[in-house]
C-alpha atoms as a PDB file:
ATOM      1  CA  MET A   1      -6.868  57.342  -7.266  1.00  0.00           C
ATOM      2  CA  ALA A   2      -6.935  60.215  -7.053  1.00  0.00           C
ATOM      3  CA  MET A   3      -4.183  62.449  -4.614  1.00  0.00           C
ATOM      4  CA  ASP A   4      -5.582  63.357  -1.669  1.00  0.00           C
ATOM      5  CA  GLU A   5      -7.066  59.052  -0.803  1.00  0.00           C
ATOM      6  CA  GLU A   6      -5.017  57.434   0.848  1.00  0.00           C
ATOM      7  CA  PRO A   7      -4.383  53.410  -0.874  1.00  0.00           C
ATOM      8  CA  VAL A   8      -6.090  50.862   0.667  1.00  0.00           C
ATOM      9  CA  THR A   9      -3.653  48.516   2.713  1.00  0.00           C
ATOM     10  CA  GLN A  10      -4.098  44.619   3.364  1.00  0.00           C
ATOM     11  CA  PRO A  11      -2.775  43.404   6.936  1.00  0.00           C
ATOM     12  CA  LYS A  12      -0.100  41.719   6.111  1.00  0.00           C
ATOM     13  CA  TYR A  13       0.557  38.843   7.655  1.00  0.00           C
ATOM     14  CA  GLY A  14       3.636  36.226   8.030  1.00  0.00           C
ATOM     15  CA  ARG A  15       4.477  33.570   5.912  1.00  0.00           C
ATOM     16  CA  GLY A  16       1.780  30.774   7.356  1.00  0.00           C
ATOM     17  CA  GLN A  17      -0.198  33.485   9.272  1.00  0.00           C
ATOM     18  CA  ASN A  18      -3.028  33.994   6.793  1.00  0.00           C
ATOM     19  CA  PRO A  19      -6.449  32.467   8.432  1.00  0.00           C
ATOM     20  CA  LEU A  20      -7.739  31.277   4.984  1.00  0.00           C
ATOM     21  CA  SER A  21      -4.679  29.601   5.062  1.00  0.00           C
ATOM     22  CA  LEU A  22      -4.363  27.482   8.273  1.00  0.00           C
ATOM     23  CA  ALA A  23      -8.360  27.033   7.284  1.00  0.00           C
ATOM     24  CA  ASN A  24      -7.378  25.177   4.583  1.00  0.00           C
ATOM     25  CA  LEU A  25      -5.100  23.053   6.751  1.00  0.00           C
ATOM     26  CA  LYS A  26      -7.222  21.959   9.487  1.00  0.00           C
ATOM     27  CA  PRO A  27      -9.791  18.386   9.141  1.00  0.00           C
ATOM     28  CA  PRO A  28     -13.518  18.977   8.562  1.00  0.00           C
ATOM     29  CA  TRP A  29     -14.233  16.839  11.692  1.00  0.00           C
ATOM     30  CA  ALA A  30     -14.418  18.082  15.201  1.00  0.00           C
ATOM     31  CA  LYS A  31     -11.959  17.522  17.103  1.00  0.00           C
ATOM     32  CA  GLY A  32     -11.644  14.310  19.271  1.00  0.00           C
ATOM     33  CA  VAL A  33     -13.745  12.942  16.238  1.00  0.00           C
ATOM     34  CA  THR A  34     -12.327  10.302  13.668  1.00  0.00           C
ATOM     35  CA  GLY A  35     -11.929  10.759   9.701  1.00  0.00           C
ATOM     36  CA  ASN A  36     -12.621   7.532   9.392  1.00  0.00           C
ATOM     37  CA  SER A  37     -16.449   7.250  10.274  1.00  0.00           C
ATOM     38  CA  LYS A  38     -17.051   3.987   9.189  1.00  0.00           C
ATOM     39  CA  GLY A  39     -14.454   2.389  10.928  1.00  0.00           C
ATOM     40  CA  VAL A  40     -13.436   0.477   8.037  1.00  0.00           C
ATOM     41  CA  THR A  41      -9.233   0.208   9.498  1.00  0.00           C
ATOM     42  CA  GLY A  42      -7.016  -2.468   7.665  1.00  0.00           C
ATOM     43  CA  PRO A  43      -6.244  -5.496   4.668  1.00  0.00           C
ATOM     44  CA  MET A  44     -10.048  -6.601   4.251  1.00  0.00           C
ATOM     45  CA  ILE A  45      -8.982  -8.942   0.908  1.00  0.00           C
ATOM     46  CA  GLY A  46      -5.999 -10.816   2.601  1.00  0.00           C
ATOM     47  CA  PRO A  47      -7.780 -12.579   5.404  1.00  0.00           C
ATOM     48  CA  ALA A  48     -10.869 -13.474   2.954  1.00  0.00           C
ATOM     49  CA  ILE A  49      -7.618 -15.425   1.124  1.00  0.00           C
ATOM     50  CA  ARG A  50      -6.116 -17.087   3.832  1.00  0.00           C
ATOM     51  CA  ARG A  51      -9.840 -18.449   5.059  1.00  0.00           C
ATOM     52  CA  PHE A  52     -10.108 -19.399   1.516  1.00  0.00           C
ATOM     53  CA  ALA A  53      -7.404 -21.108   0.529  1.00  0.00           C
ATOM     54  CA  ALA A  54      -8.176 -23.563   3.132  1.00  0.00           C
ATOM     55  CA  LEU A  55     -10.913 -24.707   0.977  1.00  0.00           C
ATOM     56  CA  SER A  56     -11.232 -27.674  -1.692  1.00  0.00           C
ATOM     57  CA  LEU A  57     -11.426 -26.156  -5.365  1.00  0.00           C
ATOM     58  CA  GLU A  58     -14.800 -28.309  -5.393  1.00  0.00           C
ATOM     59  CA  GLU A  59     -16.026 -26.491  -2.179  1.00  0.00           C
ATOM     60  CA  LEU A  60     -15.173 -23.199  -3.569  1.00  0.00           C
ATOM     61  CA  GLN A  61     -16.550 -23.326  -6.396  1.00  0.00           C
ATOM     62  CA  ALA A  62     -19.519 -24.535  -5.018  1.00  0.00           C
ATOM     63  CA  LEU A  63     -19.716 -21.766  -2.225  1.00  0.00           C
ATOM     64  CA  TRP A  64     -19.720 -19.531  -5.403  1.00  0.00           C
ATOM     65  CA  SER A  65     -22.134 -20.804  -7.367  1.00  0.00           C
ATOM     66  CA  LEU A  66     -24.649 -21.061  -4.896  1.00  0.00           C
ATOM     67  CA  SER A  67     -24.410 -17.692  -2.523  1.00  0.00           C
ATOM     68  CA  PRO A  68     -22.685 -15.083  -4.755  1.00  0.00           C
ATOM     69  CA  LYS A  69     -25.384 -12.759  -3.418  1.00  0.00           C
ATOM     70  CA  SER A  70     -24.778 -13.624   0.215  1.00  0.00           C
ATOM     71  CA  ILE A  71     -20.473 -12.942   0.220  1.00  0.00           C
ATOM     72  CA  THR A  72     -19.090  -9.585   0.772  1.00  0.00           C
ATOM     73  CA  VAL A  73     -16.910  -8.343  -1.997  1.00  0.00           C
ATOM     74  CA  ALA A  74     -13.923  -9.149  -0.328  1.00  0.00           C
ATOM     75  CA  GLU A  75     -14.891 -12.271  -0.057  1.00  0.00           C
ATOM     76  CA  ALA A  76     -16.096 -12.125  -3.662  1.00  0.00           C
ATOM     77  CA  ILE A  77     -12.761 -11.098  -4.920  1.00  0.00           C
ATOM     78  CA  ALA A  78     -10.900 -13.018  -3.572  1.00  0.00           C
ATOM     79  CA  ILE A  79     -12.987 -16.104  -4.546  1.00  0.00           C
ATOM     80  CA  THR A  80     -12.894 -15.836  -8.006  1.00  0.00           C
ATOM     81  CA  THR A  81      -8.788 -14.370  -7.711  1.00  0.00           C
ATOM     82  CA  LEU A  82      -8.290 -18.242  -6.280  1.00  0.00           C
ATOM     83  CA  ILE A  83     -10.770 -19.779  -8.459  1.00  0.00           C
ATOM     84  CA  ASP A  84      -8.789 -18.665 -11.865  1.00  0.00           C
ATOM     85  CA  ALA A  85      -5.513 -18.710 -10.279  1.00  0.00           C
ATOM     86  CA  LEU A  86      -6.210 -22.749  -9.793  1.00  0.00           C
ATOM     87  CA  THR A  87      -8.395 -22.770 -13.399  1.00  0.00           C
ATOM     88  CA  THR A  88      -6.471 -20.709 -16.310  1.00  0.00           C
ATOM     89  CA  GLY A  89      -3.247 -21.588 -17.926  1.00  0.00           C
ATOM     90  CA  SER A  90       0.055 -19.999 -17.449  1.00  0.00           C
ATOM     91  CA  PHE A  91       0.066 -17.316 -19.803  1.00  0.00           C
ATOM     92  CA  THR A  92      -3.679 -15.862 -18.757  1.00  0.00           C
ATOM     93  CA  SER A  93      -4.398 -13.635 -16.037  1.00  0.00           C
ATOM     94  CA  GLY A  94      -3.856 -17.372 -14.257  1.00  0.00           C
ATOM     95  CA  ALA A  95      -0.752 -16.344 -13.993  1.00  0.00           C
ATOM     96  CA  LYS A  96      -0.839 -12.825 -12.508  1.00  0.00           C
ATOM     97  CA  SER A  97      -3.642 -14.031  -9.787  1.00  0.00           C
ATOM     98  CA  ARG A  98      -1.295 -16.940  -9.194  1.00  0.00           C
ATOM     99  CA  GLU A  99       1.209 -13.796  -7.983  1.00  0.00           C
ATOM    100  CA  GLN A 100      -1.044 -12.426  -5.894  1.00  0.00           C
ATOM    101  CA  VAL A 101      -2.776 -15.021  -3.854  1.00  0.00           C
ATOM    102  CA  MET A 102       0.961 -16.177  -2.635  1.00  0.00           C
ATOM    103  CA  ASP A 103       2.361 -12.644  -1.797  1.00  0.00           C
ATOM    104  CA  ARG A 104      -1.217 -12.381   0.588  1.00  0.00           C
ATOM    105  CA  LEU A 105      -1.122 -15.691   1.755  1.00  0.00           C
ATOM    106  CA  ASP A 106       2.926 -15.559   2.556  1.00  0.00           C
ATOM    107  CA  GLY A 107       3.824 -12.643   1.868  1.00  0.00           C
ATOM    108  CA  PRO A 108       5.491 -10.978  -1.189  1.00  0.00           C
ATOM    109  CA  VAL A 109       8.847 -12.052  -2.362  1.00  0.00           C
ATOM    110  CA  ARG A 110      11.802 -10.213  -0.764  1.00  0.00           C
ATOM    111  CA  PRO A 111      14.738 -10.461  -3.622  1.00  0.00           C
ATOM    112  CA  THR A 112      17.891 -11.356  -2.666  1.00  0.00           C
ATOM    113  CA  ILE A 113      21.196  -9.761  -2.982  1.00  0.00           C
ATOM    114  CA  GLU A 114      24.627 -11.191  -2.633  1.00  0.00           C
ATOM    115  CA  VAL A 115      27.271  -9.070  -2.158  1.00  0.00           C
ATOM    116  CA  GLN A 116      31.111  -9.814  -2.858  1.00  0.00           C
ATOM    117  CA  VAL A 117      33.563  -7.705  -1.300  1.00  0.00           C
ATOM    118  CA  GLY A 118      37.595  -7.949  -1.717  1.00  0.00           C
ATOM    119  CA  VAL A 119      40.102  -6.333   0.590  1.00  0.00           C
ATOM    120  CA  GLU A 120      43.946  -6.036  -0.493  1.00  0.00           C
ATOM    121  CA  VAL A 121      46.431  -4.643   2.454  1.00  0.00           C
ATOM    122  CA  ARG A 122      49.645  -3.866   1.942  1.00  0.00           C
ATOM    123  CA  LEU A 123      52.317  -2.970   4.655  1.00  0.00           C
ATOM    124  CA  THR A 124      55.198  -0.410   2.789  1.00  0.00           C
ATOM    125  CA  TRP A 125      57.575   0.286   6.432  1.00  0.00           C
ATOM    126  CA  ALA A 126      58.460   4.070   6.533  1.00  0.00           C
ATOM    127  CA  ASP A 127      61.520   3.269   3.952  1.00  0.00           C
ATOM    128  CA  GLY A 128      59.437   2.313   1.677  1.00  0.00           C
ATOM    129  CA  THR A 129      60.648  -1.823   1.667  1.00  0.00           C
ATOM    130  CA  ASP A 130      57.562  -4.456   1.629  1.00  0.00           C
ATOM    131  CA  ALA A 131      56.584  -5.295   4.957  1.00  0.00           C
END
């Protein structure tokens, strides 16, 4: 750089004021429009498991064998999880399926916490003798 040229200065922005960094923080959709364009909210498999848990095992297996193409993916997962939980042994994938089904139907089991606190109070008079 020659001595007669002035150095190029860039504008100084305060922390969080650079327009490029602010543009990265804005959502890609317009204001007032949701980012969830498909409208899917909430749980999907839990309600399906609840619905199919009321069926007998024969009804569940018949539903699965007759119309697997007419059900949703969430319903297929629910049915296969229920069938797996009911028909496999305790040391197979069925054990995990049973835990998942019970968690979905009854909610997760909360661990019990037992706390025992012992308090001892000793009174002494100002002269140092026990009360």
